Amino acid sequence: MSNNKYYTAEFKKRIYELCRIYDVSVGRLAQRAGVPRNVLYNAVNNNCVVGIKNLIKLSETYSVSVDWLLGR
């Protein structure tokens, strides 16, 4: 598995884990972090990772590291 596929699969798992922990939808998770909902939906549904600015917003809002979001 290439690194990119690993990170995108892990990112998707982490987003769903945060949704479970906070009992919110992907859209609400994004909204609370100030990330456009479509950006997070696209990342989860199309297996891609959001840009660094949005990773930082998610990281700071939910008190997790960017490394954790990427499954590192």
Protein backbone atom coordinates (compact mmCIF):
# COMPACT_ATOMS: atom_id res chain seq x y z
CA MET A 1 0.00 0.00 0.00
CA SER A 2 1.40 3.37 -0.93
CA ASN A 3 1.89 5.97 1.78
CA ASN A 4 -0.85 8.16 0.31
CA LYS A 5 -3.41 5.34 0.39
CA TYR A 6 -2.39 4.52 3.95
CA TYR A 7 -2.81 8.11 5.12
CA THR A 8 -6.16 8.58 3.39
CA ALA A 9 -7.56 5.34 4.83
CA GLU A 10 -6.31 6.23 8.30
CA PHE A 11 -7.62 9.80 8.02
CA LYS A 12 -11.06 8.46 7.17
CA LYS A 13 -10.96 6.13 10.21
CA ARG A 14 -9.90 8.99 12.47
CA ILE A 15 -12.66 11.29 11.24
CA TYR A 16 -15.27 8.60 11.91
CA GLU A 17 -13.71 7.99 15.32
CA LEU A 18 -14.04 11.68 16.19
CA CYS A 19 -17.66 11.62 14.98
CA ARG A 20 -18.34 8.69 17.30
CA ILE A 21 -16.57 10.27 20.27
CA TYR A 22 -18.37 13.61 19.89
CA ASP A 23 -21.63 12.01 18.68
CA VAL A 24 -21.84 14.26 15.62
CA SER A 25 -22.07 13.88 11.86
CA VAL A 26 -19.13 14.51 9.56
CA GLY A 27 -20.76 17.80 8.57
CA ARG A 28 -21.12 18.95 12.18
CA LEU A 29 -17.56 17.86 12.95
CA ALA A 30 -16.34 20.03 10.09
CA GLN A 31 -18.56 22.96 11.04
CA ARG A 32 -17.31 23.04 14.63
CA ALA A 33 -13.71 23.14 13.37
CA GLY A 34 -14.38 25.83 10.78
CA VAL A 35 -13.64 23.44 7.92
CA PRO A 36 -15.98 23.61 4.92
CA ARG A 37 -18.30 20.61 5.11
CA ASN A 38 -17.80 19.73 1.46
CA VAL A 39 -14.03 19.56 2.01
CA LEU A 40 -14.38 16.99 4.78
CA TYR A 41 -17.11 15.04 2.96
CA ASN A 42 -14.92 14.88 -0.15
CA ALA A 43 -11.96 13.72 1.90
CA VAL A 44 -13.95 10.93 3.54
CA ASN A 45 -15.91 9.83 0.46
CA ASN A 46 -13.18 10.19 -2.15
CA ASN A 47 -10.33 8.91 0.03
CA CYS A 48 -8.19 12.01 0.05
CA VAL A 49 -6.70 14.08 2.83
CA VAL A 50 -7.62 17.71 3.46
CA GLY A 51 -5.04 20.48 3.18
CA ILE A 52 -2.70 21.37 6.00
CA LYS A 53 -4.68 24.43 7.15
CA ASN A 54 -7.80 22.31 7.61
CA LEU A 55 -5.82 19.53 9.29
CA ILE A 56 -4.58 22.10 11.79
CA LYS A 57 -8.12 23.41 12.40
CA LEU A 58 -9.35 19.86 13.08
CA SER A 59 -6.35 19.16 15.25
CA GLU A 60 -6.77 22.27 17.39
CA THR A 61 -10.55 22.00 17.71
CA TYR A 62 -10.54 18.36 18.82
CA SER A 63 -7.24 18.41 20.75
CA VAL A 64 -5.56 15.77 18.64
CA SER A 65 -2.32 15.94 16.71
CA VAL A 66 -2.08 16.15 12.95
CA ASP A 67 -0.03 12.97 13.18
CA TRP A 68 -2.93 11.25 14.94
CA LEU A 69 -5.36 12.42 12.25
CA LEU A 70 -3.07 10.89 9.64
CA GLY A 71 -2.72 7.65 11.58
CA ARG A 72 0.94 8.09 12.42
